[in-house]
Amino acid sequence: VKGRFTISRGYARNTWYLQMNSLKPEDTAVYYCNFMG
């Protein structure tokens, strides 16, 4: 997804986004958010 997707934090705490551009059929999936580490 590098070069096509952009992750960003929102102004509200614990809010974030994923901008998805140039989508491909291979991107078809259920998308989830979670913390890491």
ModelCIF file with pLDDT and N, C-alpha, C, O atoms, coordinates in Angstrom:
data_MODEL
#
_entry.id   MODEL 
#
_entity.id                         1 
_entity.type                       polymer 
_entity.pdbx_number_of_molecules   1 
#
_entity_poly.entity_id                      1 
_entity_poly.type                           'polypeptide(L)' 
_entity_poly.nstd_linkage                   no 
_entity_poly.nstd_monomer                   no 
_entity_poly.pdbx_seq_one_letter_code       VKGRFTISRGYARNTWYLQMNSLKPEDTAVYYCNFMG 
_entity_poly.pdbx_seq_one_letter_code_can   VKGRFTISRGYARNTWYLQMNSLKPEDTAVYYCNFMG 
_entity_poly.pdbx_strand_id                 A 
#
loop_
_entity_poly_seq.entity_id 
_entity_poly_seq.num 
_entity_poly_seq.mon_id 
_entity_poly_seq.hetero 
1 1  VAL n 
1 2  LYS n 
1 3  GLY n 
1 4  ARG n 
1 5  PHE n 
1 6  THR n 
1 7  ILE n 
1 8  SER n 
1 9  ARG n 
1 10 GLY n 
1 11 TYR n 
1 12 ALA n 
1 13 ARG n 
1 14 ASN n 
1 15 THR n 
1 16 TRP n 
1 17 TYR n 
1 18 LEU n 
1 19 GLN n 
1 20 MET n 
1 21 ASN n 
1 22 SER n 
1 23 LEU n 
1 24 LYS n 
1 25 PRO n 
1 26 GLU n 
1 27 ASP n 
1 28 THR n 
1 29 ALA n 
1 30 VAL n 
1 31 TYR n 
1 32 TYR n 
1 33 CYS n 
1 34 ASN n 
1 35 PHE n 
1 36 MET n 
1 37 GLY n 
#
_struct_asym.id          A 
_struct_asym.entity_id   1 
#
loop_
_ma_qa_metric.id 
_ma_qa_metric.mode 
_ma_qa_metric.name 
_ma_qa_metric.software_group_id 
_ma_qa_metric.type 
1 global pLDDT . pLDDT 
2 local  pLDDT . pLDDT 
#
_ma_qa_metric_global.metric_id      1 
_ma_qa_metric_global.metric_value   94.68 
_ma_qa_metric_global.model_id       1 
_ma_qa_metric_global.ordinal_id     1 
#
loop_
_ma_qa_metric_local.label_asym_id 
_ma_qa_metric_local.label_comp_id 
_ma_qa_metric_local.label_seq_id 
_ma_qa_metric_local.metric_id 
_ma_qa_metric_local.metric_value 
_ma_qa_metric_local.model_id 
_ma_qa_metric_local.ordinal_id 
A VAL 1  2 98.00 1 1  
A LYS 2  2 98.00 1 2  
A GLY 3  2 98.00 1 3  
A ARG 4  2 98.00 1 4  
A PHE 5  2 98.00 1 5  
A THR 6  2 98.00 1 6  
A ILE 7  2 98.00 1 7  
A SER 8  2 95.00 1 8  
A ARG 9  2 93.00 1 9  
A GLY 10 2 89.00 1 10 
A TYR 11 2 84.00 1 11 
A ALA 12 2 82.00 1 12 
A ARG 13 2 77.00 1 13 
A ASN 14 2 87.00 1 14 
A THR 15 2 92.00 1 15 
A TRP 16 2 94.00 1 16 
A TYR 17 2 97.00 1 17 
A LEU 18 2 98.00 1 18 
A GLN 19 2 98.00 1 19 
A MET 20 2 98.00 1 20 
A ASN 21 2 98.00 1 21 
A SER 22 2 98.00 1 22 
A LEU 23 2 98.00 1 23 
A LYS 24 2 98.00 1 24 
A PRO 25 2 98.00 1 25 
A GLU 26 2 97.00 1 26 
A ASP 27 2 98.00 1 27 
A THR 28 2 98.00 1 28 
A ALA 29 2 98.00 1 29 
A VAL 30 2 98.00 1 30 
A TYR 31 2 98.00 1 31 
A TYR 32 2 98.00 1 32 
A CYS 33 2 96.00 1 33 
A ASN 34 2 95.00 1 34 
A PHE 35 2 92.00 1 35 
A MET 36 2 91.00 1 36 
A GLY 37 2 84.00 1 37 
#
loop_
_atom_site.group_PDB 
_atom_site.id 
_atom_site.type_symbol 
_atom_site.label_atom_id 
_atom_site.label_alt_id 
_atom_site.label_comp_id 
_atom_site.label_asym_id 
_atom_site.label_entity_id 
_atom_site.label_seq_id 
_atom_site.pdbx_PDB_ins_code 
_atom_site.Cartn_x 
_atom_site.Cartn_y 
_atom_site.Cartn_z 
_atom_site.occupancy 
_atom_site.B_iso_or_equiv 
_atom_site.pdbx_formal_charge 
_atom_site.auth_seq_id 
_atom_site.auth_comp_id 
_atom_site.auth_asym_id 
_atom_site.auth_atom_id 
_atom_site.pdbx_PDB_model_num 
ATOM 1   N N  . VAL A 1 1  ? 0.805   -1.220 0.000  1.00 98.00 ? 1  VAL A N  1 
ATOM 2   C CA . VAL A 1 1  ? 0.000   0.000  0.000  1.00 98.00 ? 1  VAL A CA 1 
ATOM 3   C C  . VAL A 1 1  ? 0.835   1.265  0.000  1.00 98.00 ? 1  VAL A C  1 
ATOM 4   O O  . VAL A 1 1  ? 0.289   2.364  -0.097 1.00 98.00 ? 1  VAL A O  1 
ATOM 5   N N  . LYS A 1 2  ? 2.126   1.132  0.105  1.00 98.00 ? 2  LYS A N  1 
ATOM 6   C CA . LYS A 1 2  ? 3.005   2.291  0.167  1.00 98.00 ? 2  LYS A CA 1 
ATOM 7   C C  . LYS A 1 2  ? 2.844   3.156  -1.080 1.00 98.00 ? 2  LYS A C  1 
ATOM 8   O O  . LYS A 1 2  ? 2.856   2.661  -2.207 1.00 98.00 ? 2  LYS A O  1 
ATOM 9   N N  . GLY A 1 3  ? 2.695   4.454  -0.851 1.00 98.00 ? 3  GLY A N  1 
ATOM 10  C CA . GLY A 1 3  ? 2.501   5.389  -1.942 1.00 98.00 ? 3  GLY A CA 1 
ATOM 11  C C  . GLY A 1 3  ? 1.053   5.620  -2.296 1.00 98.00 ? 3  GLY A C  1 
ATOM 12  O O  . GLY A 1 3  ? 0.742   6.540  -3.052 1.00 98.00 ? 3  GLY A O  1 
ATOM 13  N N  . ARG A 1 4  ? 0.156   4.802  -1.765 1.00 98.00 ? 4  ARG A N  1 
ATOM 14  C CA . ARG A 1 4  ? -1.263  4.931  -2.055 1.00 98.00 ? 4  ARG A CA 1 
ATOM 15  C C  . ARG A 1 4  ? -2.099  5.259  -0.823 1.00 98.00 ? 4  ARG A C  1 
ATOM 16  O O  . ARG A 1 4  ? -3.108  5.957  -0.927 1.00 98.00 ? 4  ARG A O  1 
ATOM 17  N N  . PHE A 1 5  ? -1.690  4.764  0.337  1.00 98.00 ? 5  PHE A N  1 
ATOM 18  C CA . PHE A 1 5  ? -2.428  4.977  1.580  1.00 98.00 ? 5  PHE A CA 1 
ATOM 19  C C  . PHE A 1 5  ? -1.687  5.964  2.468  1.00 98.00 ? 5  PHE A C  1 
ATOM 20  O O  . PHE A 1 5  ? -0.458  6.039  2.443  1.00 98.00 ? 5  PHE A O  1 
ATOM 21  N N  . THR A 1 6  ? -2.446  6.716  3.250  1.00 98.00 ? 6  THR A N  1 
ATOM 22  C CA . THR A 1 6  ? -1.877  7.664  4.196  1.00 98.00 ? 6  THR A CA 1 
ATOM 23  C C  . THR A 1 6  ? -2.593  7.540  5.530  1.00 98.00 ? 6  THR A C  1 
ATOM 24  O O  . THR A 1 6  ? -3.816  7.660  5.602  1.00 98.00 ? 6  THR A O  1 
ATOM 25  N N  . ILE A 1 7  ? -1.828  7.300  6.579  1.00 98.00 ? 7  ILE A N  1 
ATOM 26  C CA . ILE A 1 7  ? -2.397  7.230  7.917  1.00 98.00 ? 7  ILE A CA 1 
ATOM 27  C C  . ILE A 1 7  ? -2.134  8.555  8.622  1.00 98.00 ? 7  ILE A C  1 
ATOM 28  O O  . ILE A 1 7  ? -1.080  9.163  8.438  1.00 98.00 ? 7  ILE A O  1 
ATOM 29  N N  . SER A 1 8  ? -3.086  8.998  9.421  1.00 95.00 ? 8  SER A N  1 
ATOM 30  C CA . SER A 1 8  ? -2.933  10.252 10.134 1.00 95.00 ? 8  SER A CA 1 
ATOM 31  C C  . SER A 1 8  ? -3.710  10.217 11.438 1.00 95.00 ? 8  SER A C  1 
ATOM 32  O O  . SER A 1 8  ? -4.683  9.477  11.584 1.00 95.00 ? 8  SER A O  1 
ATOM 33  N N  . ARG A 1 9  ? -3.262  11.028 12.377 1.00 93.00 ? 9  ARG A N  1 
ATOM 34  C CA . ARG A 1 9  ? -3.958  11.177 13.650 1.00 93.00 ? 9  ARG A CA 1 
ATOM 35  C C  . ARG A 1 9  ? -4.966  12.309 13.565 1.00 93.00 ? 9  ARG A C  1 
ATOM 36  O O  . ARG A 1 9  ? -4.732  13.313 12.892 1.00 93.00 ? 9  ARG A O  1 
ATOM 37  N N  . GLY A 1 10 ? -6.083  12.141 14.248 1.00 89.00 ? 10 GLY A N  1 
ATOM 38  C CA . GLY A 1 10 ? -7.064  13.196 14.317 1.00 89.00 ? 10 GLY A CA 1 
ATOM 39  C C  . GLY A 1 10 ? -6.741  14.174 15.427 1.00 89.00 ? 10 GLY A C  1 
ATOM 40  O O  . GLY A 1 10 ? -5.864  13.926 16.255 1.00 89.00 ? 10 GLY A O  1 
ATOM 41  N N  . TYR A 1 11 ? -7.462  15.296 15.437 1.00 84.00 ? 11 TYR A N  1 
ATOM 42  C CA . TYR A 1 11 ? -7.254  16.276 16.499 1.00 84.00 ? 11 TYR A CA 1 
ATOM 43  C C  . TYR A 1 11 ? -7.760  15.752 17.834 1.00 84.00 ? 11 TYR A C  1 
ATOM 44  O O  . TYR A 1 11 ? -7.200  16.073 18.883 1.00 84.00 ? 11 TYR A O  1 
ATOM 45  N N  . ALA A 1 12 ? -8.800  14.962 17.799 1.00 82.00 ? 12 ALA A N  1 
ATOM 46  C CA . ALA A 1 12 ? -9.276  14.317 19.012 1.00 82.00 ? 12 ALA A CA 1 
ATOM 47  C C  . ALA A 1 12 ? -8.362  13.154 19.361 1.00 82.00 ? 12 ALA A C  1 
ATOM 48  O O  . ALA A 1 12 ? -7.892  12.438 18.476 1.00 82.00 ? 12 ALA A O  1 
ATOM 49  N N  . ARG A 1 13 ? -8.115  12.970 20.625 1.00 77.00 ? 13 ARG A N  1 
ATOM 50  C CA . ARG A 1 13 ? -7.269  11.872 21.055 1.00 77.00 ? 13 ARG A CA 1 
ATOM 51  C C  . ARG A 1 13 ? -7.933  10.542 20.752 1.00 77.00 ? 13 ARG A C  1 
ATOM 52  O O  . ARG A 1 13 ? -9.153  10.395 20.820 1.00 77.00 ? 13 ARG A O  1 
ATOM 53  N N  . ASN A 1 14 ? -7.085  9.577  20.416 1.00 87.00 ? 14 ASN A N  1 
ATOM 54  C CA . ASN A 1 14 ? -7.533  8.226  20.099 1.00 87.00 ? 14 ASN A CA 1 
ATOM 55  C C  . ASN A 1 14 ? -8.476  8.200  18.906 1.00 87.00 ? 14 ASN A C  1 
ATOM 56  O O  . ASN A 1 14 ? -9.434  7.428  18.863 1.00 87.00 ? 14 ASN A O  1 
ATOM 57  N N  . THR A 1 15 ? -8.187  9.051  17.949 1.00 92.00 ? 15 THR A N  1 
ATOM 58  C CA . THR A 1 15 ? -8.908  9.094  16.689 1.00 92.00 ? 15 THR A CA 1 
ATOM 59  C C  . THR A 1 15 ? -7.881  9.130  15.570 1.00 92.00 ? 15 THR A C  1 
ATOM 60  O O  . THR A 1 15 ? -6.956  9.941  15.603 1.00 92.00 ? 15 THR A O  1 
ATOM 61  N N  . TRP A 1 16 ? -8.032  8.266  14.587 1.00 94.00 ? 16 TRP A N  1 
ATOM 62  C CA . TRP A 1 16 ? -7.111  8.280  13.464 1.00 94.00 ? 16 TRP A CA 1 
ATOM 63  C C  . TRP A 1 16 ? -7.793  7.820  12.187 1.00 94.00 ? 16 TRP A C  1 
ATOM 64  O O  . TRP A 1 16 ? -8.896  7.275  12.211 1.00 94.00 ? 16 TRP A O  1 
ATOM 65  N N  . TYR A 1 17 ? -7.105  8.055  11.056 1.00 97.00 ? 17 TYR A N  1 
ATOM 66  C CA . TYR A 1 17 ? -7.700  7.887  9.746  1.00 97.00 ? 17 TYR A CA 1 
ATOM 67  C C  . TYR A 1 17 ? -6.771  7.136  8.810  1.00 97.00 ? 17 TYR A C  1 
ATOM 68  O O  . TYR A 1 17 ? -5.567  7.019  9.042  1.00 97.00 ? 17 TYR A O  1 
ATOM 69  N N  . LEU A 1 18 ? -7.370  6.636  7.753  1.00 98.00 ? 18 LEU A N  1 
ATOM 70  C CA . LEU A 1 18 ? -6.611  6.015  6.679  1.00 98.00 ? 18 LEU A CA 1 
ATOM 71  C C  . LEU A 1 18 ? -7.180  6.505  5.358  1.00 98.00 ? 18 LEU A C  1 
ATOM 72  O O  . LEU A 1 18 ? -8.286  6.128  4.969  1.00 98.00 ? 18 LEU A O  1 
ATOM 73  N N  . GLN A 1 19 ? -6.422  7.342  4.675  1.00 98.00 ? 19 GLN A N  1 
ATOM 74  C CA . GLN A 1 19 ? -6.804  7.798  3.350  1.00 98.00 ? 19 GLN A CA 1 
ATOM 75  C C  . GLN A 1 19 ? -6.300  6.785  2.342  1.00 98.00 ? 19 GLN A C  1 
ATOM 76  O O  . GLN A 1 19 ? -5.105  6.495  2.291  1.00 98.00 ? 19 GLN A O  1 
ATOM 77  N N  . MET A 1 20 ? -7.202  6.249  1.546  1.00 98.00 ? 20 MET A N  1 
ATOM 78  C CA . MET A 1 20 ? -6.878  5.193  0.601  1.00 98.00 ? 20 MET A CA 1 
ATOM 79  C C  . MET A 1 20 ? -7.129  5.703  -0.815 1.00 98.00 ? 20 MET A C  1 
ATOM 80  O O  . MET A 1 20 ? -8.269  5.972  -1.195 1.00 98.00 ? 20 MET A O  1 
ATOM 81  N N  . ASN A 1 21 ? -6.071  5.831  -1.580 1.00 98.00 ? 21 ASN A N  1 
ATOM 82  C CA . ASN A 1 21 ? -6.155  6.296  -2.957 1.00 98.00 ? 21 ASN A CA 1 
ATOM 83  C C  . ASN A 1 21 ? -5.699  5.207  -3.911 1.00 98.00 ? 21 ASN A C  1 
ATOM 84  O O  . ASN A 1 21 ? -5.040  4.247  -3.513 1.00 98.00 ? 21 ASN A O  1 
ATOM 85  N N  . SER A 1 22 ? -6.060  5.371  -5.172 1.00 98.00 ? 22 SER A N  1 
ATOM 86  C CA . SER A 1 22 ? -5.661  4.422  -6.214 1.00 98.00 ? 22 SER A CA 1 
ATOM 87  C C  . SER A 1 22 ? -5.956  2.990  -5.800 1.00 98.00 ? 22 SER A C  1 
ATOM 88  O O  . SER A 1 22 ? -5.106  2.107  -5.913 1.00 98.00 ? 22 SER A O  1 
ATOM 89  N N  . LEU A 1 23 ? -7.149  2.779  -5.328 1.00 98.00 ? 23 LEU A N  1 
ATOM 90  C CA . LEU A 1 23 ? -7.520  1.467  -4.805 1.00 98.00 ? 23 LEU A CA 1 
ATOM 91  C C  . LEU A 1 23 ? -7.496  0.399  -5.888 1.00 98.00 ? 23 LEU A C  1 
ATOM 92  O O  . LEU A 1 23 ? -7.833  0.646  -7.046 1.00 98.00 ? 23 LEU A O  1 
ATOM 93  N N  . LYS A 1 24 ? -7.091  -0.786 -5.478 1.00 98.00 ? 24 LYS A N  1 
ATOM 94  C CA . LYS A 1 24 ? -7.007  -1.942 -6.353 1.00 98.00 ? 24 LYS A CA 1 
ATOM 95  C C  . LYS A 1 24 ? -7.919  -3.046 -5.842 1.00 98.00 ? 24 LYS A C  1 
ATOM 96  O O  . LYS A 1 24 ? -8.240  -3.078 -4.654 1.00 98.00 ? 24 LYS A O  1 
ATOM 97  N N  . PRO A 1 25 ? -8.341  -3.949 -6.714 1.00 98.00 ? 25 PRO A N  1 
ATOM 98  C CA . PRO A 1 25 ? -9.158  -5.070 -6.242 1.00 98.00 ? 25 PRO A CA 1 
ATOM 99  C C  . PRO A 1 25 ? -8.480  -5.855 -5.125 1.00 98.00 ? 25 PRO A C  1 
ATOM 100 O O  . PRO A 1 25 ? -9.157  -6.411 -4.260 1.00 98.00 ? 25 PRO A O  1 
ATOM 101 N N  . GLU A 1 26 ? -7.161  -5.905 -5.135 1.00 97.00 ? 26 GLU A N  1 
ATOM 102 C CA . GLU A 1 26 ? -6.420  -6.609 -4.099 1.00 97.00 ? 26 GLU A CA 1 
ATOM 103 C C  . GLU A 1 26 ? -6.572  -5.972 -2.723 1.00 97.00 ? 26 GLU A C  1 
ATOM 104 O O  . GLU A 1 26 ? -6.247  -6.598 -1.714 1.00 97.00 ? 26 GLU A O  1 
ATOM 105 N N  . ASP A 1 27 ? -7.061  -4.738 -2.671 1.00 98.00 ? 27 ASP A N  1 
ATOM 106 C CA . ASP A 1 27 ? -7.280  -4.063 -1.398 1.00 98.00 ? 27 ASP A CA 1 
ATOM 107 C C  . ASP A 1 27 ? -8.587  -4.482 -0.738 1.00 98.00 ? 27 ASP A C  1 
ATOM 108 O O  . ASP A 1 27 ? -8.851  -4.107 0.404  1.00 98.00 ? 27 ASP A O  1 
ATOM 109 N N  . THR A 1 28 ? -9.391  -5.241 -1.433 1.00 98.00 ? 28 THR A N  1 
ATOM 110 C CA . THR A 1 28 ? -10.663 -5.691 -0.881 1.00 98.00 ? 28 THR A CA 1 
ATOM 111 C C  . THR A 1 28 ? -10.436 -6.496 0.389  1.00 98.00 ? 28 THR A C  1 
ATOM 112 O O  . THR A 1 28 ? -9.717  -7.496 0.384  1.00 98.00 ? 28 THR A O  1 
ATOM 113 N N  . ALA A 1 29 ? -11.050 -6.055 1.468  1.00 98.00 ? 29 ALA A N  1 
ATOM 114 C CA . ALA A 1 29 ? -10.858 -6.693 2.768  1.00 98.00 ? 29 ALA A CA 1 
ATOM 115 C C  . ALA A 1 29 ? -11.735 -5.991 3.789  1.00 98.00 ? 29 ALA A C  1 
ATOM 116 O O  . ALA A 1 29 ? -12.340 -4.956 3.510  1.00 98.00 ? 29 ALA A O  1 
ATOM 117 N N  . VAL A 1 30 ? -11.791 -6.573 4.969  1.00 98.00 ? 30 VAL A N  1 
ATOM 118 C CA . VAL A 1 30 ? -12.370 -5.891 6.113  1.00 98.00 ? 30 VAL A CA 1 
ATOM 119 C C  . VAL A 1 30 ? -11.236 -5.175 6.831  1.00 98.00 ? 30 VAL A C  1 
ATOM 120 O O  . VAL A 1 30 ? -10.223 -5.788 7.167  1.00 98.00 ? 30 VAL A O  1 
ATOM 121 N N  . TYR A 1 31 ? -11.405 -3.902 7.062  1.00 98.00 ? 31 TYR A N  1 
ATOM 122 C CA . TYR A 1 31 ? -10.367 -3.090 7.676  1.00 98.00 ? 31 TYR A CA 1 
ATOM 123 C C  . TYR A 1 31 ? -10.691 -2.820 9.137  1.00 98.00 ? 31 TYR A C  1 
ATOM 124 O O  . TYR A 1 31 ? -11.824 -2.484 9.484  1.00 98.00 ? 31 TYR A O  1 
ATOM 125 N N  . TYR A 1 32 ? -9.690  -2.970 9.980  1.00 98.00 ? 32 TYR A N  1 
ATOM 126 C CA . TYR A 1 32 ? -9.826  -2.784 11.411 1.00 98.00 ? 32 TYR A CA 1 
ATOM 127 C C  . TYR A 1 32 ? -8.776  -1.802 11.912 1.00 98.00 ? 32 TYR A C  1 
ATOM 128 O O  . TYR A 1 32 ? -7.708  -1.664 11.317 1.00 98.00 ? 32 TYR A O  1 
ATOM 129 N N  . CYS A 1 33 ? -9.085  -1.131 12.995 1.00 96.00 ? 33 CYS A N  1 
ATOM 130 C CA . CYS A 1 33 ? -8.088  -0.322 13.666 1.00 96.00 ? 33 CYS A CA 1 
ATOM 131 C C  . CYS A 1 33 ? -7.806  -0.901 15.043 1.00 96.00 ? 33 CYS A C  1 
ATOM 132 O O  . CYS A 1 33 ? -8.651  -1.568 15.641 1.00 96.00 ? 33 CYS A O  1 
ATOM 133 N N  . ASN A 1 34 ? -6.622  -0.638 15.526 1.00 95.00 ? 34 ASN A N  1 
ATOM 134 C CA . ASN A 1 34 ? -6.206  -1.103 16.831 1.00 95.00 ? 34 ASN A CA 1 
ATOM 135 C C  . ASN A 1 34 ? -4.913  -0.382 17.176 1.00 95.00 ? 34 ASN A C  1 
ATOM 136 O O  . ASN A 1 34 ? -4.309  0.273  16.327 1.00 95.00 ? 34 ASN A O  1 
ATOM 137 N N  . PHE A 1 35 ? -4.504  -0.508 18.406 1.00 92.00 ? 35 PHE A N  1 
ATOM 138 C CA . PHE A 1 35 ? -3.195  -0.020 18.785 1.00 92.00 ? 35 PHE A CA 1 
ATOM 139 C C  . PHE A 1 35 ? -2.140  -1.015 18.327 1.00 92.00 ? 35 PHE A C  1 
ATOM 140 O O  . PHE A 1 35 ? -2.457  -2.112 17.867 1.00 92.00 ? 35 PHE A O  1 
ATOM 141 N N  . MET A 1 36 ? -0.890  -0.616 18.462 1.00 91.00 ? 36 MET A N  1 
ATOM 142 C CA . MET A 1 36 ? 0.217   -1.485 18.086 1.00 91.00 ? 36 MET A CA 1 
ATOM 143 C C  . MET A 1 36 ? 1.172   -1.636 19.255 1.00 91.00 ? 36 MET A C  1 
ATOM 144 O O  . MET A 1 36 ? 1.118   -0.884 20.228 1.00 91.00 ? 36 MET A O  1 
ATOM 145 N N  . GLY A 1 37 ? 2.034   -2.610 19.139 1.00 84.00 ? 37 GLY A N  1 
ATOM 146 C CA . GLY A 1 37 ? 3.057   -2.805 20.151 1.00 84.00 ? 37 GLY A CA 1 
ATOM 147 C C  . GLY A 1 37 ? 2.485   -3.192 21.499 1.00 84.00 ? 37 GLY A C  1 
ATOM 148 O O  . GLY A 1 37 ? 3.236   -3.390 22.455 1.00 84.00 ? 37 GLY A O  1 
#
